[in-house]
Amino acid sequence: LEGEIAQAFPTLKGARVEHAWAGTMAYAVHSMPQIGRLRPDVWLCTAFGGRGLNTTAMAGELIASAIADDDERWKLFAPFGLVGTGGLAGKLAAEVRLRALAMADAR
């Protein structure tokens, strides 16, 4: 990670990374985030697929507004539904796609 940061931002060469995390990238097969309510007191926000920095904040605001103000704009995401991602094969496909995109970016 430090090498990638230094390559993208040469003035940060030598800066230390204090915290980092990893996990499975959450992609939905329809490429849309999954935002909604599973049951009356259970909400979900997932499948932002690498676009989480701005859209997760929006989703949090959307759900908070639904809970606090009975705002129903979250229903705009209903047509995309909660879909499966293909289990292990889906995880492998997502990893292959992510690596292909990384290779394309490196060119």
PDB file of N, CA and C in Angstrom:
ATOM      1  N   LEU A   1       0.828  -1.193   0.000  1.00  0.00           N
ATOM      2  CA  LEU A   1       0.000   0.000   0.000  1.00  0.00           C
ATOM      3  C   LEU A   1       0.871   1.255   0.000  1.00  0.00           C
ATOM      4  N   GLU A   2       1.915   1.242   0.814  1.00  0.00           N
ATOM      5  CA  GLU A   2       2.793   2.407   0.881  1.00  0.00           C
ATOM      6  C   GLU A   2       3.443   2.684  -0.475  1.00  0.00           C
ATOM      7  N   GLY A   3       3.816   1.621  -1.183  1.00  0.00           N
ATOM      8  CA  GLY A   3       4.411   1.777  -2.512  1.00  0.00           C
ATOM      9  C   GLY A   3       3.428   2.364  -3.511  1.00  0.00           C
ATOM     10  N   GLU A   4       2.186   1.927  -3.455  1.00  0.00           N
ATOM     11  CA  GLU A   4       1.172   2.461  -4.359  1.00  0.00           C
ATOM     12  C   GLU A   4       0.895   3.929  -4.069  1.00  0.00           C
ATOM     13  N   ILE A   5       0.872   4.284  -2.794  1.00  0.00           N
ATOM     14  CA  ILE A   5       0.653   5.683  -2.422  1.00  0.00           C
ATOM     15  C   ILE A   5       1.809   6.535  -2.930  1.00  0.00           C
ATOM     16  N   ALA A   6       3.030   6.072  -2.732  1.00  0.00           N
ATOM     17  CA  ALA A   6       4.206   6.818  -3.177  1.00  0.00           C
ATOM     18  C   ALA A   6       4.228   6.975  -4.689  1.00  0.00           C
ATOM     19  N   GLN A   7       3.766   5.941  -5.396  1.00  0.00           N
ATOM     20  CA  GLN A   7       3.736   6.018  -6.860  1.00  0.00           C
ATOM     21  C   GLN A   7       2.712   7.050  -7.334  1.00  0.00           C
ATOM     22  N   ALA A   8       1.552   7.061  -6.693  1.00  0.00           N
ATOM     23  CA  ALA A   8       0.492   7.999  -7.095  1.00  0.00           C
ATOM     24  C   ALA A   8       0.769   9.411  -6.591  1.00  0.00           C
ATOM     25  N   PHE A   9       1.381   9.518  -5.424  1.00  0.00           N
ATOM     26  CA  PHE A   9       1.642  10.808  -4.788  1.00  0.00           C
ATOM     27  C   PHE A   9       3.100  10.846  -4.332  1.00  0.00           C
ATOM     28  N   PRO A  10       4.024  11.162  -5.244  1.00  0.00           N
ATOM     29  CA  PRO A  10       5.452  11.108  -4.918  1.00  0.00           C
ATOM     30  C   PRO A  10       5.859  11.910  -3.684  1.00  0.00           C
ATOM     31  N   THR A  11       5.164  12.973  -3.387  1.00  0.00           N
ATOM     32  CA  THR A  11       5.536  13.771  -2.206  1.00  0.00           C
ATOM     33  C   THR A  11       5.256  13.028  -0.906  1.00  0.00           C
ATOM     34  N   LEU A  12       4.467  11.954  -0.960  1.00  0.00           N
ATOM     35  CA  LEU A  12       4.162  11.168   0.240  1.00  0.00           C
ATOM     36  C   LEU A  12       5.103   9.970   0.414  1.00  0.00           C
ATOM     37  N   LYS A  13       6.109   9.867  -0.461  1.00  0.00           N
ATOM     38  CA  LYS A  13       7.061   8.748  -0.351  1.00  0.00           C
ATOM     39  C   LYS A  13       7.670   8.745   1.049  1.00  0.00           C
ATOM     40  N   GLY A  14       7.648   7.606   1.689  1.00  0.00           N
ATOM     41  CA  GLY A  14       8.167   7.455   3.042  1.00  0.00           C
ATOM     42  C   GLY A  14       7.112   7.617   4.127  1.00  0.00           C
ATOM     43  N   ALA A  15       5.915   8.069   3.748  1.00  0.00           N
ATOM     44  CA  ALA A  15       4.838   8.179   4.746  1.00  0.00           C
ATOM     45  C   ALA A  15       4.437   6.773   5.179  1.00  0.00           C
ATOM     46  N   ARG A  16       4.182   6.596   6.445  1.00  0.00           N
ATOM     47  CA  ARG A  16       3.824   5.285   6.989  1.00  0.00           C
ATOM     48  C   ARG A  16       2.312   5.130   7.037  1.00  0.00           C
ATOM     49  N   VAL A  17       1.843   3.955   6.698  1.00  0.00           N
ATOM     50  CA  VAL A  17       0.427   3.616   6.827  1.00  0.00           C
ATOM     51  C   VAL A  17       0.235   3.039   8.223  1.00  0.00           C
ATOM     52  N   GLU A  18      -0.601   3.683   9.009  1.00  0.00           N
ATOM     53  CA  GLU A  18      -0.826   3.215  10.383  1.00  0.00           C
ATOM     54  C   GLU A  18      -1.925   2.171  10.471  1.00  0.00           C
ATOM     55  N   HIS A  19      -2.941   2.286   9.640  1.00  0.00           N
ATOM     56  CA  HIS A  19      -4.070   1.347   9.682  1.00  0.00           C
ATOM     57  C   HIS A  19      -4.491   1.006   8.259  1.00  0.00           C
ATOM     58  N   ALA A  20      -4.812  -0.234   8.031  1.00  0.00           N
ATOM     59  CA  ALA A  20      -5.335  -0.684   6.748  1.00  0.00           C
ATOM     60  C   ALA A  20      -6.267  -1.857   7.007  1.00  0.00           C
ATOM     61  N   TRP A  21      -7.163  -2.107   6.105  1.00  0.00           N
ATOM     62  CA  TRP A  21      -8.068  -3.239   6.260  1.00  0.00           C
ATOM     63  C   TRP A  21      -8.342  -3.836   4.890  1.00  0.00           C
ATOM     64  N   ALA A  22      -8.821  -5.041   4.883  1.00  0.00           N
ATOM     65  CA  ALA A  22      -9.133  -5.735   3.637  1.00  0.00           C
ATOM     66  C   ALA A  22     -10.420  -6.513   3.834  1.00  0.00           C
ATOM     67  N   GLY A  23     -11.032  -6.841   2.760  1.00  0.00           N
ATOM     68  CA  GLY A  23     -12.255  -7.626   2.832  1.00  0.00           C
ATOM     69  C   GLY A  23     -12.740  -7.955   1.439  1.00  0.00           C
ATOM     70  N   THR A  24     -13.830  -8.642   1.356  1.00  0.00           N
ATOM     71  CA  THR A  24     -14.424  -8.990   0.080  1.00  0.00           C
ATOM     72  C   THR A  24     -15.095  -7.760  -0.500  1.00  0.00           C
ATOM     73  N   MET A  25     -14.816  -7.474  -1.772  1.00  0.00           N
ATOM     74  CA  MET A  25     -15.445  -6.348  -2.444  1.00  0.00           C
ATOM     75  C   MET A  25     -16.908  -6.704  -2.685  1.00  0.00           C
ATOM     76  N   ALA A  26     -17.799  -5.810  -2.325  1.00  0.00           N
ATOM     77  CA  ALA A  26     -19.234  -6.082  -2.423  1.00  0.00           C
ATOM     78  C   ALA A  26     -19.804  -5.543  -3.728  1.00  0.00           C
ATOM     79  N   TYR A  27     -20.003  -6.430  -4.682  1.00  0.00           N
ATOM     80  CA  TYR A  27     -20.606  -6.071  -5.963  1.00  0.00           C
ATOM     81  C   TYR A  27     -21.963  -6.755  -6.064  1.00  0.00           C
ATOM     82  N   ALA A  28     -22.945  -6.051  -6.592  1.00  0.00           N
ATOM     83  CA  ALA A  28     -24.219  -6.677  -6.934  1.00  0.00           C
ATOM     84  C   ALA A  28     -24.172  -7.001  -8.422  1.00  0.00           C
ATOM     85  N   VAL A  29     -24.862  -8.036  -8.837  1.00  0.00           N
ATOM     86  CA  VAL A  29     -24.818  -8.428 -10.239  1.00  0.00           C
ATOM     87  C   VAL A  29     -25.394  -7.351 -11.152  1.00  0.00           C
ATOM     88  N   HIS A  30     -26.231  -6.474 -10.619  1.00  0.00           N
ATOM     89  CA  HIS A  30     -26.805  -5.396 -11.426  1.00  0.00           C
ATOM     90  C   HIS A  30     -26.026  -4.081 -11.266  1.00  0.00           C
ATOM     91  N   SER A  31     -24.906  -4.124 -10.544  1.00  0.00           N
ATOM     92  CA  SER A  31     -24.005  -2.981 -10.344  1.00  0.00           C
ATOM     93  C   SER A  31     -24.629  -1.800  -9.611  1.00  0.00           C
ATOM     94  N   MET A  32     -25.713  -2.019  -8.932  1.00  0.00           N
ATOM     95  CA  MET A  32     -26.345  -0.962  -8.138  1.00  0.00           C
ATOM     96  C   MET A  32     -26.216  -1.305  -6.661  1.00  0.00           C
ATOM     97  N   PRO A  33     -26.067  -0.295  -5.811  1.00  0.00           N
ATOM     98  CA  PRO A  33     -26.040  -0.588  -4.380  1.00  0.00           C
ATOM     99  C   PRO A  33     -27.386  -1.145  -3.932  1.00  0.00           C
ATOM    100  N   GLN A  34     -27.347  -1.941  -2.903  1.00  0.00           N
ATOM    101  CA  GLN A  34     -28.575  -2.499  -2.346  1.00  0.00           C
ATOM    102  C   GLN A  34     -28.875  -1.739  -1.061  1.00  0.00           C
ATOM    103  N   ILE A  35     -29.928  -0.950  -1.120  1.00  0.00           N
ATOM    104  CA  ILE A  35     -30.332  -0.084  -0.022  1.00  0.00           C
ATOM    105  C   ILE A  35     -31.797  -0.357   0.248  1.00  0.00           C
ATOM    106  N   GLY A  36     -32.143  -0.688   1.476  1.00  0.00           N
ATOM    107  CA  GLY A  36     -33.546  -0.944   1.753  1.00  0.00           C
ATOM    108  C   GLY A  36     -33.795  -1.509   3.125  1.00  0.00           C
ATOM    109  N   ARG A  37     -34.979  -2.026   3.284  1.00  0.00           N
ATOM    110  CA  ARG A  37     -35.418  -2.580   4.565  1.00  0.00           C
ATOM    111  C   ARG A  37     -35.739  -4.057   4.382  1.00  0.00           C
ATOM    112  N   LEU A  38     -35.133  -4.878   5.228  1.00  0.00           N
ATOM    113  CA  LEU A  38     -35.414  -6.313   5.192  1.00  0.00           C
ATOM    114  C   LEU A  38     -36.701  -6.647   5.932  1.00  0.00           C
ATOM    115  N   ARG A  39     -36.895  -5.982   7.072  1.00  0.00           N
ATOM    116  CA  ARG A  39     -38.121  -6.097   7.857  1.00  0.00           C
ATOM    117  C   ARG A  39     -38.229  -4.817   8.689  1.00  0.00           C
ATOM    118  N   PRO A  40     -39.294  -4.604   9.425  1.00  0.00           N
ATOM    119  CA  PRO A  40     -39.520  -3.298  10.055  1.00  0.00           C
ATOM    120  C   PRO A  40     -38.333  -2.637  10.758  1.00  0.00           C
ATOM    121  N   ASP A  41     -37.509  -3.364  11.485  1.00  0.00           N
ATOM    122  CA  ASP A  41     -36.401  -2.723  12.189  1.00  0.00           C
ATOM    123  C   ASP A  41     -35.025  -3.146  11.681  1.00  0.00           C
ATOM    124  N   VAL A  42     -34.965  -3.692  10.470  1.00  0.00           N
ATOM    125  CA  VAL A  42     -33.682  -4.155   9.925  1.00  0.00           C
ATOM    126  C   VAL A  42     -33.486  -3.547   8.538  1.00  0.00           C
ATOM    127  N   TRP A  43     -32.459  -2.691   8.431  1.00  0.00           N
ATOM    128  CA  TRP A  43     -32.137  -2.005   7.187  1.00  0.00           C
ATOM    129  C   TRP A  43     -30.832  -2.553   6.611  1.00  0.00           C
ATOM    130  N   LEU A  44     -30.633  -2.389   5.310  1.00  0.00           N
ATOM    131  CA  LEU A  44     -29.393  -2.838   4.700  1.00  0.00           C
ATOM    132  C   LEU A  44     -28.827  -1.774   3.770  1.00  0.00           C
ATOM    133  N   CYS A  45     -27.521  -1.740   3.728  1.00  0.00           N
ATOM    134  CA  CYS A  45     -26.750  -0.905   2.797  1.00  0.00           C
ATOM    135  C   CYS A  45     -25.545  -1.739   2.404  1.00  0.00           C
ATOM    136  N   THR A  46     -25.505  -2.209   1.180  1.00  0.00           N
ATOM    137  CA  THR A  46     -24.391  -3.053   0.767  1.00  0.00           C
ATOM    138  C   THR A  46     -24.215  -2.978  -0.743  1.00  0.00           C
ATOM    139  N   ALA A  47     -23.191  -3.646  -1.230  1.00  0.00           N
ATOM    140  CA  ALA A  47     -22.919  -3.807  -2.661  1.00  0.00           C
ATOM    141  C   ALA A  47     -22.553  -2.494  -3.347  1.00  0.00           C
ATOM    142  N   PHE A  48     -21.699  -1.711  -2.712  1.00  0.00           N
ATOM    143  CA  PHE A  48     -21.286  -0.447  -3.307  1.00  0.00           C
ATOM    144  C   PHE A  48     -20.134  -0.620  -4.287  1.00  0.00           C
ATOM    145  N   GLY A  49     -19.542  -1.809  -4.314  1.00  0.00           N
ATOM    146  CA  GLY A  49     -18.571  -2.197  -5.334  1.00  0.00           C
ATOM    147  C   GLY A  49     -17.485  -1.193  -5.659  1.00  0.00           C
ATOM    148  N   GLY A  50     -16.794  -0.692  -4.649  1.00  0.00           N
ATOM    149  CA  GLY A  50     -15.697   0.223  -4.893  1.00  0.00           C
ATOM    150  C   GLY A  50     -16.115   1.674  -5.036  1.00  0.00           C
ATOM    151  N   ARG A  51     -17.400   1.952  -4.923  1.00  0.00           N
ATOM    152  CA  ARG A  51     -17.892   3.323  -5.016  1.00  0.00           C
ATOM    153  C   ARG A  51     -18.540   3.736  -3.704  1.00  0.00           C
ATOM    154  N   GLY A  52     -17.964   3.260  -2.617  1.00  0.00           N
ATOM    155  CA  GLY A  52     -18.599   3.449  -1.330  1.00  0.00           C
ATOM    156  C   GLY A  52     -18.378   4.776  -0.644  1.00  0.00           C
ATOM    157  N   LEU A  53     -17.320   5.480  -0.992  1.00  0.00           N
ATOM    158  CA  LEU A  53     -16.996   6.688  -0.256  1.00  0.00           C
ATOM    159  C   LEU A  53     -18.122   7.719  -0.303  1.00  0.00           C
ATOM    160  N   ASN A  54     -18.678   7.952  -1.446  1.00  0.00           N
ATOM    161  CA  ASN A  54     -19.764   8.926  -1.532  1.00  0.00           C
ATOM    162  C   ASN A  54     -21.138   8.283  -1.381  1.00  0.00           C
ATOM    163  N   THR A  55     -21.332   7.127  -1.981  1.00  0.00           N
ATOM    164  CA  THR A  55     -22.664   6.532  -1.983  1.00  0.00           C
ATOM    165  C   THR A  55     -23.059   5.929  -0.635  1.00  0.00           C
ATOM    166  N   THR A  56     -22.095   5.478   0.156  1.00  0.00           N
ATOM    167  CA  THR A  56     -22.475   4.969   1.477  1.00  0.00           C
ATOM    168  C   THR A  56     -22.942   6.102   2.380  1.00  0.00           C
ATOM    169  N   ALA A  57     -22.329   7.265   2.240  1.00  0.00           N
ATOM    170  CA  ALA A  57     -22.782   8.428   3.019  1.00  0.00           C
ATOM    171  C   ALA A  57     -24.204   8.800   2.614  1.00  0.00           C
ATOM    172  N   MET A  58     -24.473   8.778   1.312  1.00  0.00           N
ATOM    173  CA  MET A  58     -25.818   9.074   0.814  1.00  0.00           C
ATOM    174  C   MET A  58     -26.809   8.039   1.325  1.00  0.00           C
ATOM    175  N   ALA A  59     -26.422   6.779   1.290  1.00  0.00           N
ATOM    176  CA  ALA A  59     -27.316   5.714   1.747  1.00  0.00           C
ATOM    177  C   ALA A  59     -27.606   5.841   3.237  1.00  0.00           C
ATOM    178  N   GLY A  60     -26.588   6.186   4.016  1.00  0.00           N
ATOM    179  CA  GLY A  60     -26.796   6.395   5.446  1.00  0.00           C
ATOM    180  C   GLY A  60     -27.773   7.520   5.712  1.00  0.00           C
ATOM    181  N   GLU A  61     -27.631   8.609   4.976  1.00  0.00           N
ATOM    182  CA  GLU A  61     -28.564   9.742   5.113  1.00  0.00           C
ATOM    183  C   GLU A  61     -29.969   9.322   4.701  1.00  0.00           C
ATOM    184  N   LEU A  62     -30.062   8.553   3.641  1.00  0.00           N
ATOM    185  CA  LEU A  62     -31.357   8.096   3.132  1.00  0.00           C
ATOM    186  C   LEU A  62     -32.076   7.219   4.155  1.00  0.00           C
ATOM    187  N   ILE A  63     -31.362   6.285   4.740  1.00  0.00           N
ATOM    188  CA  ILE A  63     -31.969   5.396   5.728  1.00  0.00           C
ATOM    189  C   ILE A  63     -32.270   6.138   7.029  1.00  0.00           C
ATOM    190  N   ALA A  64     -31.367   7.028   7.438  1.00  0.00           N
ATOM    191  CA  ALA A  64     -31.639   7.819   8.644  1.00  0.00           C
ATOM    192  C   ALA A  64     -32.913   8.645   8.459  1.00  0.00           C
ATOM    193  N   SER A  65     -33.074   9.214   7.283  1.00  0.00           N
ATOM    194  CA  SER A  65     -34.276  10.005   6.991  1.00  0.00           C
ATOM    195  C   SER A  65     -35.519   9.118   6.974  1.00  0.00           C
ATOM    196  N   ALA A  66     -35.378   7.902   6.489  1.00  0.00           N
ATOM    197  CA  ALA A  66     -36.516   6.969   6.484  1.00  0.00           C
ATOM    198  C   ALA A  66     -36.929   6.623   7.908  1.00  0.00           C
ATOM    199  N   ILE A  67     -35.936   6.379   8.762  1.00  0.00           N
ATOM    200  CA  ILE A  67     -36.224   6.006  10.149  1.00  0.00           C
ATOM    201  C   ILE A  67     -36.777   7.190  10.935  1.00  0.00           C
ATOM    202  N   ALA A  68     -36.131   8.339  10.806  1.00  0.00           N
ATOM    203  CA  ALA A  68     -36.509   9.505  11.619  1.00  0.00           C
ATOM    204  C   ALA A  68     -37.724  10.250  11.102  1.00  0.00           C
ATOM    205  N   ASP A  69     -37.869  10.303   9.768  1.00  0.00           N
ATOM    206  CA  ASP A  69     -38.907  11.165   9.179  1.00  0.00           C
ATOM    207  C   ASP A  69     -39.921  10.434   8.307  1.00  0.00           C
ATOM    208  N   ASP A  70     -39.881   9.113   8.301  1.00  0.00           N
ATOM    209  CA  ASP A  70     -40.759   8.326   7.425  1.00  0.00           C
ATOM    210  C   ASP A  70     -40.589   8.687   5.948  1.00  0.00           C
ATOM    211  N   ASP A  71     -39.391   9.116   5.591  1.00  0.00           N
ATOM    212  CA  ASP A  71     -39.062   9.450   4.202  1.00  0.00           C
ATOM    213  C   ASP A  71     -39.035   8.156   3.390  1.00  0.00           C
ATOM    214  N   GLU A  72     -39.678   8.130   2.259  1.00  0.00           N
ATOM    215  CA  GLU A  72     -39.775   6.894   1.471  1.00  0.00           C
ATOM    216  C   GLU A  72     -38.892   6.891   0.229  1.00  0.00           C
ATOM    217  N   ARG A  73     -37.925   7.810   0.138  1.00  0.00           N
ATOM    218  CA  ARG A  73     -37.049   7.836  -1.044  1.00  0.00           C
ATOM    219  C   ARG A  73     -36.224   6.561  -1.179  1.00  0.00           C
ATOM    220  N   TRP A  74     -35.984   5.847  -0.069  1.00  0.00           N
ATOM    221  CA  TRP A  74     -35.216   4.594  -0.140  1.00  0.00           C
ATOM    222  C   TRP A  74     -35.896   3.596  -1.067  1.00  0.00           C
ATOM    223  N   LYS A  75     -37.196   3.737  -1.247  1.00  0.00           N
ATOM    224  CA  LYS A  75     -37.940   2.813  -2.109  1.00  0.00           C
ATOM    225  C   LYS A  75     -37.542   2.943  -3.581  1.00  0.00           C
ATOM    226  N   LEU A  76     -36.842   4.013  -3.932  1.00  0.00           N
ATOM    227  CA  LEU A  76     -36.359   4.155  -5.308  1.00  0.00           C
ATOM    228  C   LEU A  76     -35.368   3.053  -5.672  1.00  0.00           C
ATOM    229  N   PHE A  77     -34.763   2.425  -4.660  1.00  0.00           N
ATOM    230  CA  PHE A  77     -33.829   1.332  -4.895  1.00  0.00           C
ATOM    231  C   PHE A  77     -34.522  -0.029  -4.952  1.00  0.00           C
ATOM    232  N   ALA A  78     -35.801  -0.080  -4.633  1.00  0.00           N
ATOM    233  CA  ALA A  78     -36.542  -1.349  -4.598  1.00  0.00           C
ATOM    234  C   ALA A  78     -36.490  -2.131  -5.909  1.00  0.00           C
ATOM    235  N   PRO A  79     -36.543  -1.483  -7.072  1.00  0.00           N
ATOM    236  CA  PRO A  79     -36.509  -2.264  -8.317  1.00  0.00           C
ATOM    237  C   PRO A  79     -35.250  -3.115  -8.480  1.00  0.00           C
ATOM    238  N   PHE A  80     -34.174  -2.761  -7.799  1.00  0.00           N
ATOM    239  CA  PHE A  80     -32.932  -3.514  -7.935  1.00  0.00           C
ATOM    240  C   PHE A  80     -32.873  -4.712  -7.006  1.00  0.00           C
ATOM    241  N   GLY A  81     -33.660  -4.699  -5.951  1.00  0.00           N
ATOM    242  CA  GLY A  81     -33.815  -5.849  -5.072  1.00  0.00           C
ATOM    243  C   GLY A  81     -32.538  -6.385  -4.452  1.00  0.00           C
ATOM    244  N   LEU A  82     -32.715  -7.326  -3.580  1.00  0.00           N
ATOM    245  CA  LEU A  82     -31.616  -8.016  -2.925  1.00  0.00           C
ATOM    246  C   LEU A  82     -31.349  -9.279  -3.730  1.00  0.00           C
ATOM    247  N   VAL A  83     -30.228  -9.307  -4.419  1.00  0.00           N
ATOM    248  CA  VAL A  83     -29.928 -10.422  -5.317  1.00  0.00           C
ATOM    249  C   VAL A  83     -28.701 -11.186  -4.843  1.00  0.00           C
ATOM    250  N   GLY A  84     -28.664 -12.455  -5.147  1.00  0.00           N
ATOM    251  CA  GLY A  84     -27.499 -13.272  -4.833  1.00  0.00           C
ATOM    252  C   GLY A  84     -26.349 -12.938  -5.760  1.00  0.00           C
ATOM    253  N   THR A  85     -25.148 -13.282  -5.355  1.00  0.00           N
ATOM    254  CA  THR A  85     -23.973 -12.980  -6.172  1.00  0.00           C
ATOM    255  C   THR A  85     -23.253 -14.229  -6.658  1.00  0.00           C
ATOM    256  N   GLY A  86     -23.881 -15.357  -6.568  1.00  0.00           N
ATOM    257  CA  GLY A  86     -23.291 -16.560  -7.122  1.00  0.00           C
ATOM    258  C   GLY A  86     -22.378 -17.336  -6.198  1.00  0.00           C
ATOM    259  N   GLY A  87     -22.445 -17.069  -4.907  1.00  0.00           N
ATOM    260  CA  GLY A  87     -21.641 -17.831  -3.951  1.00  0.00           C
ATOM    261  C   GLY A  87     -20.159 -17.741  -4.236  1.00  0.00           C
ATOM    262  N   LEU A  88     -19.446 -18.840  -4.086  1.00  0.00           N
ATOM    263  CA  LEU A  88     -18.003 -18.867  -4.290  1.00  0.00           C
ATOM    264  C   LEU A  88     -17.638 -18.493  -5.724  1.00  0.00           C
ATOM    265  N   ALA A  89     -18.388 -18.982  -6.695  1.00  0.00           N
ATOM    266  CA  ALA A  89     -18.103 -18.645  -8.098  1.00  0.00           C
ATOM    267  C   ALA A  89     -18.241 -17.142  -8.323  1.00  0.00           C
ATOM    268  N   GLY A  90     -19.209 -16.530  -7.680  1.00  0.00           N
ATOM    269  CA  GLY A  90     -19.382 -15.086  -7.795  1.00  0.00           C
ATOM    270  C   GLY A  90     -18.220 -14.331  -7.176  1.00  0.00           C
ATOM    271  N   LYS A  91     -17.742 -14.808  -6.025  1.00  0.00           N
ATOM    272  CA  LYS A  91     -16.581 -14.173  -5.385  1.00  0.00           C
ATOM    273  C   LYS A  91     -15.352 -14.276  -6.280  1.00  0.00           C
ATOM    274  N   LEU A  92     -15.151 -15.437  -6.888  1.00  0.00           N
ATOM    275  CA  LEU A  92     -14.011 -15.620  -7.785  1.00  0.00           C
ATOM    276  C   LEU A  92     -14.133 -14.721  -9.010  1.00  0.00           C
ATOM    277  N   ALA A  93     -15.331 -14.622  -9.569  1.00  0.00           N
ATOM    278  CA  ALA A  93     -15.543 -13.761 -10.729  1.00  0.00           C
ATOM    279  C   ALA A  93     -15.274 -12.303 -10.375  1.00  0.00           C
ATOM    280  N   ALA A  94     -15.711 -11.874  -9.206  1.00  0.00           N
ATOM    281  CA  ALA A  94     -15.467 -10.496  -8.769  1.00  0.00           C
ATOM    282  C   ALA A  94     -13.967 -10.245  -8.593  1.00  0.00           C
ATOM    283  N   GLU A  95     -13.259 -11.208  -8.048  1.00  0.00           N
ATOM    284  CA  GLU A  95     -11.817 -11.063  -7.851  1.00  0.00           C
ATOM    285  C   GLU A  95     -11.104 -10.972  -9.194  1.00  0.00           C
ATOM    286  N   VAL A  96     -11.499 -11.797 -10.161  1.00  0.00           N
ATOM    287  CA  VAL A  96     -10.904 -11.753 -11.498  1.00  0.00           C
ATOM    288  C   VAL A  96     -11.168 -10.390 -12.133  1.00  0.00           C
ATOM    289  N   ARG A  97     -12.386  -9.906 -11.989  1.00  0.00           N
ATOM    290  CA  ARG A  97     -12.745  -8.598 -12.553  1.00  0.00           C
ATOM    291  C   ARG A  97     -11.927  -7.490 -11.893  1.00  0.00           C
ATOM    292  N   LEU A  98     -11.799  -7.527 -10.595  1.00  0.00           N
ATOM    293  CA  LEU A  98     -11.044  -6.513  -9.875  1.00  0.00           C
ATOM    294  C   LEU A  98      -9.585  -6.504 -10.322  1.00  0.00           C
ATOM    295  N   ARG A  99      -9.000  -7.672 -10.461  1.00  0.00           N
ATOM    296  CA  ARG A  99      -7.596  -7.759 -10.892  1.00  0.00           C
ATOM    297  C   ARG A  99      -7.434  -7.290 -12.336  1.00  0.00           C
ATOM    298  N   ALA A 100      -8.405  -7.601 -13.198  1.00  0.00           N
ATOM    299  CA  ALA A 100      -8.346  -7.127 -14.583  1.00  0.00           C
ATOM    300  C   ALA A 100      -8.430  -5.602 -14.629  1.00  0.00           C
ATOM    301  N   LEU A 101      -9.285  -5.014 -13.833  1.00  0.00           N
ATOM    302  CA  LEU A 101      -9.386  -3.556 -13.781  1.00  0.00           C
ATOM    303  C   LEU A 101      -8.090  -2.943 -13.257  1.00  0.00           C
ATOM    304  N   ALA A 102      -7.489  -3.574 -12.246  1.00  0.00           N
ATOM    305  CA  ALA A 102      -6.225  -3.077 -11.703  1.00  0.00           C
ATOM    306  C   ALA A 102      -5.124  -3.134 -12.753  1.00  0.00           C
ATOM    307  N   MET A 103      -5.098  -4.214 -13.536  1.00  0.00           N
ATOM    308  CA  MET A 103      -4.091  -4.333 -14.602  1.00  0.00           C
ATOM    309  C   MET A 103      -4.314  -3.282 -15.667  1.00  0.00           C
ATOM    310  N   ALA A 104      -5.573  -3.021 -16.003  1.00  0.00           N
ATOM    311  CA  ALA A 104      -5.877  -1.988 -17.001  1.00  0.00           C
ATOM    312  C   ALA A 104      -5.453  -0.608 -16.497  1.00  0.00           C
ATOM    313  N   ASP A 105      -5.656  -0.353 -15.215  1.00  0.00           N
ATOM    314  CA  ASP A 105      -5.257   0.924 -14.617  1.00  0.00           C
ATOM    315  C   ASP A 105      -3.743   1.091 -14.626  1.00  0.00           C
ATOM    316  N   ALA A 106      -3.027  -0.013 -14.513  1.00  0.00           N
ATOM    317  CA  ALA A 106      -1.565   0.038 -14.439  1.00  0.00           C
ATOM    318  C   ALA A 106      -0.926   0.377 -15.790  1.00  0.00           C
ATOM    319  N   ARG A 107      -1.665   0.227 -16.856  1.00  0.00           N
ATOM    320  CA  ARG A 107      -1.106   0.496 -18.205  1.00  0.00           C
ATOM    321  C   ARG A 107      -0.923   1.955 -18.456  1.00  0.00           C
TER     322      ARG A 107
END
